[in-house]
Amino acid sequence: MALSSIFGGGSPSQQQPVASGSATGVSVKEQLKTQIAQELAIANASELVNKVTENCFEKCLQSPYTSAQEGCVDQCLAKYMRSWNVISKAYVGRIQQASTSGEI
């Protein structure tokens, strides 16, 4: 399973081409929404990786490297992933609530 599929993205060959014409106006709008959502998911995943690298590795890894530092990195990564999951679920819930109430 590729990372892009985990985070909602896809390769260009997997993406549907955008149709033209007035009869497909709704379809084009939905395709654009999907493409934007995929690009945002990839950007969010990249940001997560950058922050994990920046914070966990700076906190835990010192020169010279020792195997004792692995536990610190593992704990830091686990904390980031738990936080990421909690925030993502809350964000998706709020978007769904706003969507059903007509705010979006």
PDB file of N, CA and C in Angstrom:
ATOM      1  N   MET A   1       0.852  -1.174   0.000  1.00  0.00           N
ATOM      2  CA  MET A   1       0.000   0.000   0.000  1.00  0.00           C
ATOM      3  C   MET A   1       0.892   1.229   0.000  1.00  0.00           C
ATOM      4  N   ALA A   2       0.694   2.136  -0.927  1.00  0.00           N
ATOM      5  CA  ALA A   2       1.507   3.337  -1.034  1.00  0.00           C
ATOM      6  C   ALA A   2       1.071   4.371  -0.003  1.00  0.00           C
ATOM      7  N   LEU A   3       2.006   5.221   0.385  1.00  0.00           N
ATOM      8  CA  LEU A   3       1.688   6.273   1.349  1.00  0.00           C
ATOM      9  C   LEU A   3       0.597   7.193   0.834  1.00  0.00           C
ATOM     10  N   SER A   4       0.605   7.461  -0.472  1.00  0.00           N
ATOM     11  CA  SER A   4      -0.405   8.366  -1.003  1.00  0.00           C
ATOM     12  C   SER A   4      -1.812   7.800  -0.828  1.00  0.00           C
ATOM     13  N   SER A   5      -1.957   6.475  -0.860  1.00  0.00           N
ATOM     14  CA  SER A   5      -3.288   5.904  -0.652  1.00  0.00           C
ATOM     15  C   SER A   5      -3.693   5.977   0.810  1.00  0.00           C
ATOM     16  N   ILE A   6      -2.729   5.928   1.722  1.00  0.00           N
ATOM     17  CA  ILE A   6      -3.033   6.044   3.140  1.00  0.00           C
ATOM     18  C   ILE A   6      -3.546   7.437   3.458  1.00  0.00           C
ATOM     19  N   PHE A   7      -2.923   8.439   2.841  1.00  0.00           N
ATOM     20  CA  PHE A   7      -3.249   9.821   3.164  1.00  0.00           C
ATOM     21  C   PHE A   7      -4.224  10.438   2.172  1.00  0.00           C
ATOM     22  N   GLY A   8      -4.834   9.650   1.331  1.00  0.00           N
ATOM     23  CA  GLY A   8      -5.896  10.150   0.467  1.00  0.00           C
ATOM     24  C   GLY A   8      -5.452  10.584  -0.909  1.00  0.00           C
ATOM     25  N   GLY A   9      -4.207  10.434  -1.236  1.00  0.00           N
ATOM     26  CA  GLY A   9      -3.733  10.854  -2.545  1.00  0.00           C
ATOM     27  C   GLY A   9      -3.736   9.699  -3.517  1.00  0.00           C
ATOM     28  N   GLY A  10      -3.340   9.970  -4.702  1.00  0.00           N
ATOM     29  CA  GLY A  10      -3.225   8.938  -5.705  1.00  0.00           C
ATOM     30  C   GLY A  10      -2.270   9.392  -6.783  1.00  0.00           C
ATOM     31  N   SER A  11      -1.761   8.465  -7.542  1.00  0.00           N
ATOM     32  CA  SER A  11      -0.876   8.840  -8.626  1.00  0.00           C
ATOM     33  C   SER A  11      -1.709   9.458  -9.742  1.00  0.00           C
ATOM     34  N   PRO A  12      -1.079  10.249 -10.601  1.00  0.00           N
ATOM     35  CA  PRO A  12      -1.838  10.875 -11.688  1.00  0.00           C
ATOM     36  C   PRO A  12      -2.571   9.862 -12.554  1.00  0.00           C
ATOM     37  N   SER A  13      -2.035   8.644 -12.700  1.00  0.00           N
ATOM     38  CA  SER A  13      -2.711   7.637 -13.504  1.00  0.00           C
ATOM     39  C   SER A  13      -3.982   7.124 -12.838  1.00  0.00           C
ATOM     40  N   GLN A  14      -4.084   7.287 -11.501  1.00  0.00           N
ATOM     41  CA  GLN A  14      -5.263   6.837 -10.780  1.00  0.00           C
ATOM     42  C   GLN A  14      -6.349   7.914 -10.734  1.00  0.00           C
ATOM     43  N   GLN A  15      -5.992   9.147 -11.063  1.00  0.00           N
ATOM     44  CA  GLN A  15      -6.953  10.238 -10.979  1.00  0.00           C
ATOM     45  C   GLN A  15      -7.769  10.295 -12.262  1.00  0.00           C
ATOM     46  N   GLN A  16      -9.034  10.665 -12.107  1.00  0.00           N
ATOM     47  CA  GLN A  16      -9.933  10.745 -13.238  1.00  0.00           C
ATOM     48  C   GLN A  16      -9.717  12.055 -13.982  1.00  0.00           C
ATOM     49  N   PRO A  17      -9.763  12.054 -15.311  1.00  0.00           N
ATOM     50  CA  PRO A  17      -9.643  13.300 -16.048  1.00  0.00           C
ATOM     51  C   PRO A  17     -10.881  14.152 -15.846  1.00  0.00           C
ATOM     52  N   VAL A  18     -10.697  15.450 -15.898  1.00  0.00           N
ATOM     53  CA  VAL A  18     -11.798  16.385 -15.713  1.00  0.00           C
ATOM     54  C   VAL A  18     -12.524  16.526 -17.034  1.00  0.00           C
ATOM     55  N   ALA A  19     -13.843  16.276 -17.022  1.00  0.00           N
ATOM     56  CA  ALA A  19     -14.653  16.377 -18.231  1.00  0.00           C
ATOM     57  C   ALA A  19     -15.050  17.824 -18.460  1.00  0.00           C
ATOM     58  N   SER A  20     -15.315  18.177 -19.708  1.00  0.00           N
ATOM     59  CA  SER A  20     -15.733  19.530 -20.015  1.00  0.00           C
ATOM     60  C   SER A  20     -17.158  19.504 -20.560  1.00  0.00           C
ATOM     61  N   GLY A  21     -17.802  20.677 -20.511  1.00  0.00           N
ATOM     62  CA  GLY A  21     -19.163  20.767 -21.016  1.00  0.00           C
ATOM     63  C   GLY A  21     -20.127  21.131 -19.919  1.00  0.00           C
ATOM     64  N   SER A  22     -21.244  21.762 -20.287  1.00  0.00           N
ATOM     65  CA  SER A  22     -22.207  22.229 -19.299  1.00  0.00           C
ATOM     66  C   SER A  22     -22.978  21.086 -18.648  1.00  0.00           C
ATOM     67  N   ALA A  23     -23.159  19.974 -19.342  1.00  0.00           N
ATOM     68  CA  ALA A  23     -23.909  18.846 -18.795  1.00  0.00           C
ATOM     69  C   ALA A  23     -23.140  18.166 -17.669  1.00  0.00           C
ATOM     70  N   THR A  24     -21.836  18.344 -17.624  1.00  0.00           N
ATOM     71  CA  THR A  24     -21.024  17.694 -16.609  1.00  0.00           C
ATOM     72  C   THR A  24     -20.522  18.693 -15.571  1.00  0.00           C
ATOM     73  N   GLY A  25     -21.159  19.830 -15.435  1.00  0.00           N
ATOM     74  CA  GLY A  25     -20.739  20.866 -14.493  1.00  0.00           C
ATOM     75  C   GLY A  25     -20.656  20.371 -13.069  1.00  0.00           C
ATOM     76  N   VAL A  26     -21.644  19.623 -12.618  1.00  0.00           N
ATOM     77  CA  VAL A  26     -21.627  19.089 -11.259  1.00  0.00           C
ATOM     78  C   VAL A  26     -20.501  18.075 -11.117  1.00  0.00           C
ATOM     79  N   SER A  27     -20.309  17.252 -12.124  1.00  0.00           N
ATOM     80  CA  SER A  27     -19.264  16.246 -12.094  1.00  0.00           C
ATOM     81  C   SER A  27     -17.884  16.901 -12.010  1.00  0.00           C
ATOM     82  N   VAL A  28     -17.664  17.959 -12.755  1.00  0.00           N
ATOM     83  CA  VAL A  28     -16.386  18.670 -12.736  1.00  0.00           C
ATOM     84  C   VAL A  28     -16.148  19.258 -11.351  1.00  0.00           C
ATOM     85  N   LYS A  29     -17.185  19.825 -10.766  1.00  0.00           N
ATOM     86  CA  LYS A  29     -17.063  20.415  -9.432  1.00  0.00           C
ATOM     87  C   LYS A  29     -16.671  19.351  -8.408  1.00  0.00           C
ATOM     88  N   GLU A  30     -17.312  18.196  -8.468  1.00  0.00           N
ATOM     89  CA  GLU A  30     -16.991  17.114  -7.540  1.00  0.00           C
ATOM     90  C   GLU A  30     -15.577  16.582  -7.758  1.00  0.00           C
ATOM     91  N   GLN A  31     -15.165  16.489  -9.010  1.00  0.00           N
ATOM     92  CA  GLN A  31     -13.815  16.019  -9.301  1.00  0.00           C
ATOM     93  C   GLN A  31     -12.775  17.001  -8.764  1.00  0.00           C
ATOM     94  N   LEU A  32     -13.040  18.294  -8.909  1.00  0.00           N
ATOM     95  CA  LEU A  32     -12.118  19.298  -8.382  1.00  0.00           C
ATOM     96  C   LEU A  32     -12.047  19.233  -6.858  1.00  0.00           C
ATOM     97  N   LYS A  33     -13.199  19.049  -6.217  1.00  0.00           N
ATOM     98  CA  LYS A  33     -13.208  18.908  -4.761  1.00  0.00           C
ATOM     99  C   LYS A  33     -12.380  17.706  -4.323  1.00  0.00           C
ATOM    100  N   THR A  34     -12.542  16.599  -5.022  1.00  0.00           N
ATOM    101  CA  THR A  34     -11.801  15.385  -4.704  1.00  0.00           C
ATOM    102  C   THR A  34     -10.305  15.591  -4.893  1.00  0.00           C
ATOM    103  N   GLN A  35      -9.937  16.232  -5.986  1.00  0.00           N
ATOM    104  CA  GLN A  35      -8.526  16.468  -6.253  1.00  0.00           C
ATOM    105  C   GLN A  35      -7.915  17.391  -5.199  1.00  0.00           C
ATOM    106  N   ILE A  36      -8.623  18.428  -4.815  1.00  0.00           N
ATOM    107  CA  ILE A  36      -8.137  19.343  -3.785  1.00  0.00           C
ATOM    108  C   ILE A  36      -7.996  18.622  -2.454  1.00  0.00           C
ATOM    109  N   ALA A  37      -8.982  17.792  -2.119  1.00  0.00           N
ATOM    110  CA  ALA A  37      -8.913  17.022  -0.869  1.00  0.00           C
ATOM    111  C   ALA A  37      -7.699  16.093  -0.862  1.00  0.00           C
ATOM    112  N   GLN A  38      -7.412  15.474  -1.993  1.00  0.00           N
ATOM    113  CA  GLN A  38      -6.253  14.588  -2.087  1.00  0.00           C
ATOM    114  C   GLN A  38      -4.953  15.365  -1.926  1.00  0.00           C
ATOM    115  N   GLU A  39      -4.873  16.521  -2.558  1.00  0.00           N
ATOM    116  CA  GLU A  39      -3.659  17.335  -2.450  1.00  0.00           C
ATOM    117  C   GLU A  39      -3.467  17.850  -1.030  1.00  0.00           C
ATOM    118  N   LEU A  40      -4.561  18.212  -0.366  1.00  0.00           N
ATOM    119  CA  LEU A  40      -4.463  18.647   1.026  1.00  0.00           C
ATOM    120  C   LEU A  40      -4.025  17.506   1.935  1.00  0.00           C
ATOM    121  N   ALA A  41      -4.528  16.312   1.676  1.00  0.00           N
ATOM    122  CA  ALA A  41      -4.130  15.150   2.474  1.00  0.00           C
ATOM    123  C   ALA A  41      -2.640  14.874   2.328  1.00  0.00           C
ATOM    124  N   ILE A  42      -2.120  14.988   1.129  1.00  0.00           N
ATOM    125  CA  ILE A  42      -0.693  14.776   0.900  1.00  0.00           C
ATOM    126  C   ILE A  42       0.119  15.870   1.575  1.00  0.00           C
ATOM    127  N   ALA A  43      -0.346  17.115   1.485  1.00  0.00           N
ATOM    128  CA  ALA A  43       0.352  18.219   2.154  1.00  0.00           C
ATOM    129  C   ALA A  43       0.353  18.021   3.667  1.00  0.00           C
ATOM    130  N   ASN A  44      -0.759  17.573   4.225  1.00  0.00           N
ATOM    131  CA  ASN A  44      -0.833  17.316   5.670  1.00  0.00           C
ATOM    132  C   ASN A  44       0.112  16.194   6.081  1.00  0.00           C
ATOM    133  N   ALA A  45       0.179  15.152   5.282  1.00  0.00           N
ATOM    134  CA  ALA A  45       1.085  14.049   5.591  1.00  0.00           C
ATOM    135  C   ALA A  45       2.536  14.507   5.528  1.00  0.00           C
ATOM    136  N   SER A  46       2.859  15.323   4.551  1.00  0.00           N
ATOM    137  CA  SER A  46       4.219  15.861   4.446  1.00  0.00           C
ATOM    138  C   SER A  46       4.551  16.730   5.646  1.00  0.00           C
ATOM    139  N   GLU A  47       3.603  17.533   6.069  1.00  0.00           N
ATOM    140  CA  GLU A  47       3.814  18.379   7.246  1.00  0.00           C
ATOM    141  C   GLU A  47       4.036  17.536   8.494  1.00  0.00           C
ATOM    142  N   LEU A  48       3.279  16.461   8.639  1.00  0.00           N
ATOM    143  CA  LEU A  48       3.458  15.558   9.773  1.00  0.00           C
ATOM    144  C   LEU A  48       4.867  14.975   9.784  1.00  0.00           C
ATOM    145  N   VAL A  49       5.308  14.487   8.645  1.00  0.00           N
ATOM    146  CA  VAL A  49       6.650  13.908   8.558  1.00  0.00           C
ATOM    147  C   VAL A  49       7.709  14.954   8.882  1.00  0.00           C
ATOM    148  N   ASN A  50       7.546  16.162   8.369  1.00  0.00           N
ATOM    149  CA  ASN A  50       8.513  17.229   8.644  1.00  0.00           C
ATOM    150  C   ASN A  50       8.567  17.569  10.127  1.00  0.00           C
ATOM    151  N   LYS A  51       7.415  17.679  10.771  1.00  0.00           N
ATOM    152  CA  LYS A  51       7.379  18.005  12.195  1.00  0.00           C
ATOM    153  C   LYS A  51       7.950  16.890  13.052  1.00  0.00           C
ATOM    154  N   VAL A  52       7.630  15.647  12.706  1.00  0.00           N
ATOM    155  CA  VAL A  52       8.175  14.510  13.446  1.00  0.00           C
ATOM    156  C   VAL A  52       9.692  14.511  13.332  1.00  0.00           C
ATOM    157  N   THR A  53      10.168  14.696  12.126  1.00  0.00           N
ATOM    158  CA  THR A  53      11.616  14.717  11.909  1.00  0.00           C
ATOM    159  C   THR A  53      12.257  15.843  12.702  1.00  0.00           C
ATOM    160  N   GLU A  54      11.682  17.015  12.580  1.00  0.00           N
ATOM    161  CA  GLU A  54      12.244  18.186  13.257  1.00  0.00           C
ATOM    162  C   GLU A  54      12.249  18.027  14.767  1.00  0.00           C
ATOM    163  N   ASN A  55      11.130  17.646  15.331  1.00  0.00           N
ATOM    164  CA  ASN A  55      11.008  17.599  16.791  1.00  0.00           C
ATOM    165  C   ASN A  55      11.585  16.341  17.419  1.00  0.00           C
ATOM    166  N   CYS A  56      11.204  15.180  16.939  1.00  0.00           N
ATOM    167  CA  CYS A  56      11.643  13.935  17.570  1.00  0.00           C
ATOM    168  C   CYS A  56      13.135  13.697  17.384  1.00  0.00           C
ATOM    169  N   PHE A  57      13.624  13.915  16.198  1.00  0.00           N
ATOM    170  CA  PHE A  57      15.020  13.633  15.965  1.00  0.00           C
ATOM    171  C   PHE A  57      15.919  14.644  16.669  1.00  0.00           C
ATOM    172  N   GLU A  58      15.511  15.911  16.694  1.00  0.00           N
ATOM    173  CA  GLU A  58      16.306  16.903  17.424  1.00  0.00           C
ATOM    174  C   GLU A  58      16.295  16.624  18.918  1.00  0.00           C
ATOM    175  N   LYS A  59      15.154  16.156  19.423  1.00  0.00           N
ATOM    176  CA  LYS A  59      15.039  15.869  20.853  1.00  0.00           C
ATOM    177  C   LYS A  59      15.819  14.626  21.244  1.00  0.00           C
ATOM    178  N   CYS A  60      15.735  13.599  20.433  1.00  0.00           N
ATOM    179  CA  CYS A  60      16.216  12.281  20.840  1.00  0.00           C
ATOM    180  C   CYS A  60      17.609  11.910  20.349  1.00  0.00           C
ATOM    181  N   LEU A  61      18.000  12.377  19.200  1.00  0.00           N
ATOM    182  CA  LEU A  61      19.243  11.885  18.617  1.00  0.00           C
ATOM    183  C   LEU A  61      20.392  12.860  18.847  1.00  0.00           C
ATOM    184  N   GLN A  62      21.417  12.336  19.450  1.00  0.00           N
ATOM    185  CA  GLN A  62      22.634  13.105  19.646  1.00  0.00           C
ATOM    186  C   GLN A  62      23.791  12.300  19.073  1.00  0.00           C
ATOM    187  N   SER A  63      24.849  12.991  18.788  1.00  0.00           N
ATOM    188  CA  SER A  63      26.023  12.332  18.257  1.00  0.00           C
ATOM    189  C   SER A  63      26.943  11.962  19.399  1.00  0.00           C
ATOM    190  N   PRO A  64      27.530  10.858  19.449  1.00  0.00           N
ATOM    191  CA  PRO A  64      27.368   9.710  18.561  1.00  0.00           C
ATOM    192  C   PRO A  64      26.081   8.948  18.877  1.00  0.00           C
ATOM    193  N   TYR A  65      25.537   8.353  17.856  1.00  0.00           N
ATOM    194  CA  TYR A  65      24.282   7.611  17.988  1.00  0.00           C
ATOM    195  C   TYR A  65      24.502   6.344  18.810  1.00  0.00           C
ATOM    196  N   THR A  66      23.544   6.090  19.713  1.00  0.00           N
ATOM    197  CA  THR A  66      23.555   4.835  20.479  1.00  0.00           C
ATOM    198  C   THR A  66      22.182   4.193  20.362  1.00  0.00           C
ATOM    199  N   SER A  67      22.131   2.904  20.564  1.00  0.00           N
ATOM    200  CA  SER A  67      20.854   2.189  20.441  1.00  0.00           C
ATOM    201  C   SER A  67      19.872   2.589  21.537  1.00  0.00           C
ATOM    202  N   ALA A  68      20.342   3.174  22.625  1.00  0.00           N
ATOM    203  CA  ALA A  68      19.454   3.622  23.695  1.00  0.00           C
ATOM    204  C   ALA A  68      18.537   4.759  23.240  1.00  0.00           C
ATOM    205  N   GLN A  69      18.930   5.463  22.205  1.00  0.00           N
ATOM    206  CA  GLN A  69      18.128   6.588  21.699  1.00  0.00           C
ATOM    207  C   GLN A  69      16.902   6.118  20.915  1.00  0.00           C
ATOM    208  N   GLU A  70      16.880   4.861  20.524  1.00  0.00           N
ATOM    209  CA  GLU A  70      15.751   4.335  19.758  1.00  0.00           C
ATOM    210  C   GLU A  70      14.449   4.397  20.542  1.00  0.00           C
ATOM    211  N   GLY A  71      14.509   4.123  21.846  1.00  0.00           N
ATOM    212  CA  GLY A  71      13.303   4.176  22.670  1.00  0.00           C
ATOM    213  C   GLY A  71      12.699   5.571  22.706  1.00  0.00           C
ATOM    214  N   CYS A  72      13.539   6.589  22.790  1.00  0.00           N
ATOM    215  CA  CYS A  72      13.063   7.972  22.780  1.00  0.00           C
ATOM    216  C   CYS A  72      12.368   8.297  21.458  1.00  0.00           C
ATOM    217  N   VAL A  73      12.986   7.893  20.344  1.00  0.00           N
ATOM    218  CA  VAL A  73      12.395   8.143  19.028  1.00  0.00           C
ATOM    219  C   VAL A  73      11.065   7.409  18.897  1.00  0.00           C
ATOM    220  N   ASP A  74      11.019   6.161  19.326  1.00  0.00           N
ATOM    221  CA  ASP A  74       9.780   5.382  19.255  1.00  0.00           C
ATOM    222  C   ASP A  74       8.655   6.037  20.051  1.00  0.00           C
ATOM    223  N   GLN A  75       8.947   6.480  21.263  1.00  0.00           N
ATOM    224  CA  GLN A  75       7.931   7.123  22.102  1.00  0.00           C
ATOM    225  C   GLN A  75       7.465   8.437  21.492  1.00  0.00           C
ATOM    226  N   CYS A  76       8.404   9.197  20.977  1.00  0.00           N
ATOM    227  CA  CYS A  76       8.053  10.481  20.363  1.00  0.00           C
ATOM    228  C   CYS A  76       7.169  10.268  19.134  1.00  0.00           C
ATOM    229  N   LEU A  77       7.533   9.315  18.288  1.00  0.00           N
ATOM    230  CA  LEU A  77       6.723   9.014  17.099  1.00  0.00           C
ATOM    231  C   LEU A  77       5.327   8.536  17.490  1.00  0.00           C
ATOM    232  N   ALA A  78       5.240   7.707  18.512  1.00  0.00           N
ATOM    233  CA  ALA A  78       3.936   7.217  18.964  1.00  0.00           C
ATOM    234  C   ALA A  78       3.062   8.366  19.458  1.00  0.00           C
ATOM    235  N   LYS A  79       3.649   9.298  20.193  1.00  0.00           N
ATOM    236  CA  LYS A  79       2.888  10.462  20.671  1.00  0.00           C
ATOM    237  C   LYS A  79       2.377  11.289  19.513  1.00  0.00           C
ATOM    238  N   TYR A  80       3.240  11.545  18.527  1.00  0.00           N
ATOM    239  CA  TYR A  80       2.815  12.321  17.370  1.00  0.00           C
ATOM    240  C   TYR A  80       1.683  11.636  16.617  1.00  0.00           C
ATOM    241  N   MET A  81       1.779  10.327  16.439  1.00  0.00           N
ATOM    242  CA  MET A  81       0.745   9.620  15.692  1.00  0.00           C
ATOM    243  C   MET A  81      -0.577   9.608  16.460  1.00  0.00           C
ATOM    244  N   ARG A  82      -0.526   9.422  17.781  1.00  0.00           N
ATOM    245  CA  ARG A  82      -1.765   9.486  18.580  1.00  0.00           C
ATOM    246  C   ARG A  82      -2.393  10.866  18.472  1.00  0.00           C
ATOM    247  N   SER A  83      -1.572  11.891  18.603  1.00  0.00           N
ATOM    248  CA  SER A  83      -2.078  13.265  18.499  1.00  0.00           C
ATOM    249  C   SER A  83      -2.663  13.521  17.117  1.00  0.00           C
ATOM    250  N   TRP A  84      -1.964  13.076  16.083  1.00  0.00           N
ATOM    251  CA  TRP A  84      -2.418  13.254  14.704  1.00  0.00           C
ATOM    252  C   TRP A  84      -3.794  12.605  14.516  1.00  0.00           C
ATOM    253  N   ASN A  85      -3.965  11.399  15.036  1.00  0.00           N
ATOM    254  CA  ASN A  85      -5.240  10.689  14.892  1.00  0.00           C
ATOM    255  C   ASN A  85      -6.370  11.397  15.622  1.00  0.00           C
ATOM    256  N   VAL A  86      -6.124  11.866  16.838  1.00  0.00           N
ATOM    257  CA  VAL A  86      -7.155  12.569  17.607  1.00  0.00           C
ATOM    258  C   VAL A  86      -7.566  13.860  16.894  1.00  0.00           C
ATOM    259  N   ILE A  87      -6.597  14.615  16.466  1.00  0.00           N
ATOM    260  CA  ILE A  87      -6.884  15.891  15.792  1.00  0.00           C
ATOM    261  C   ILE A  87      -7.605  15.652  14.472  1.00  0.00           C
ATOM    262  N   SER A  88      -7.160  14.655  13.720  1.00  0.00           N
ATOM    263  CA  SER A  88      -7.799  14.354  12.433  1.00  0.00           C
ATOM    264  C   SER A  88      -9.260  13.956  12.613  1.00  0.00           C
ATOM    265  N   LYS A  89      -9.543  13.105  13.601  1.00  0.00           N
ATOM    266  CA  LYS A  89     -10.921  12.684  13.846  1.00  0.00           C
ATOM    267  C   LYS A  89     -11.794  13.861  14.250  1.00  0.00           C
ATOM    268  N   ALA A  90     -11.278  14.735  15.107  1.00  0.00           N
ATOM    269  CA  ALA A  90     -12.045  15.908  15.530  1.00  0.00           C
ATOM    270  C   ALA A  90     -12.294  16.838  14.345  1.00  0.00           C
ATOM    271  N   TYR A  91     -11.290  17.029  13.504  1.00  0.00           N
ATOM    272  CA  TYR A  91     -11.414  17.901  12.344  1.00  0.00           C
ATOM    273  C   TYR A  91     -12.446  17.369  11.356  1.00  0.00           C
ATOM    274  N   VAL A  92     -12.368  16.085  11.065  1.00  0.00           N
ATOM    275  CA  VAL A  92     -13.324  15.473  10.143  1.00  0.00           C
ATOM    276  C   VAL A  92     -14.738  15.560  10.716  1.00  0.00           C
ATOM    277  N   GLY A  93     -14.884  15.327  12.011  1.00  0.00           N
ATOM    278  CA  GLY A  93     -16.199  15.433  12.650  1.00  0.00           C
ATOM    279  C   GLY A  93     -16.784  16.828  12.537  1.00  0.00           C
ATOM    280  N   ARG A  94     -15.961  17.821  12.738  1.00  0.00           N
ATOM    281  CA  ARG A  94     -16.439  19.210  12.625  1.00  0.00           C
ATOM    282  C   ARG A  94     -16.822  19.559  11.199  1.00  0.00           C
ATOM    283  N   ILE A  95     -16.050  19.092  10.245  1.00  0.00           N
ATOM    284  CA  ILE A  95     -16.383  19.352   8.843  1.00  0.00           C
ATOM    285  C   ILE A  95     -17.689  18.663   8.471  1.00  0.00           C
ATOM    286  N   GLN A  96     -17.869  17.427   8.915  1.00  0.00           N
ATOM    287  CA  GLN A  96     -19.106  16.712   8.605  1.00  0.00           C
ATOM    288  C   GLN A  96     -20.302  17.405   9.272  1.00  0.00           C
ATOM    289  N   GLN A  97     -20.122  17.867  10.493  1.00  0.00           N
ATOM    290  CA  GLN A  97     -21.199  18.565  11.175  1.00  0.00           C
ATOM    291  C   GLN A  97     -21.547  19.868  10.461  1.00  0.00           C
ATOM    292  N   ALA A  98     -20.544  20.611  10.048  1.00  0.00           N
ATOM    293  CA  ALA A  98     -20.783  21.862   9.337  1.00  0.00           C
ATOM    294  C   ALA A  98     -21.434  21.590   7.975  1.00  0.00           C
ATOM    295  N   SER A  99     -21.062  20.507   7.338  1.00  0.00           N
ATOM    296  CA  SER A  99     -21.625  20.154   6.052  1.00  0.00           C
ATOM    297  C   SER A  99     -23.100  19.789   6.166  1.00  0.00           C
ATOM    298  N   THR A 100     -23.457  19.022   7.202  1.00  0.00           N
ATOM    299  CA  THR A 100     -24.857  18.615   7.360  1.00  0.00           C
ATOM    300  C   THR A 100     -25.738  19.770   7.825  1.00  0.00           C
ATOM    301  N   SER A 101     -25.145  20.737   8.532  1.00  0.00           N
ATOM    302  CA  SER A 101     -25.937  21.873   8.987  1.00  0.00           C
ATOM    303  C   SER A 101     -26.017  22.990   7.948  1.00  0.00           C
ATOM    304  N   GLY A 102     -25.309  22.817   6.811  1.00  0.00           N
ATOM    305  CA  GLY A 102     -25.393  23.794   5.730  1.00  0.00           C
ATOM    306  C   GLY A 102     -24.411  24.940   5.843  1.00  0.00           C
ATOM    307  N   GLU A 103     -23.479  24.887   6.763  1.00  0.00           N
ATOM    308  CA  GLU A 103     -22.504  25.941   6.911  1.00  0.00           C
ATOM    309  C   GLU A 103     -21.462  25.928   5.796  1.00  0.00           C
ATOM    310  N   ILE A 104     -21.260  24.754   5.219  1.00  0.00           N
ATOM    311  CA  ILE A 104     -20.271  24.638   4.132  1.00  0.00           C
ATOM    312  C   ILE A 104     -21.001  24.467   2.830  1.00  0.00           C
TER     313      ILE A 104
END
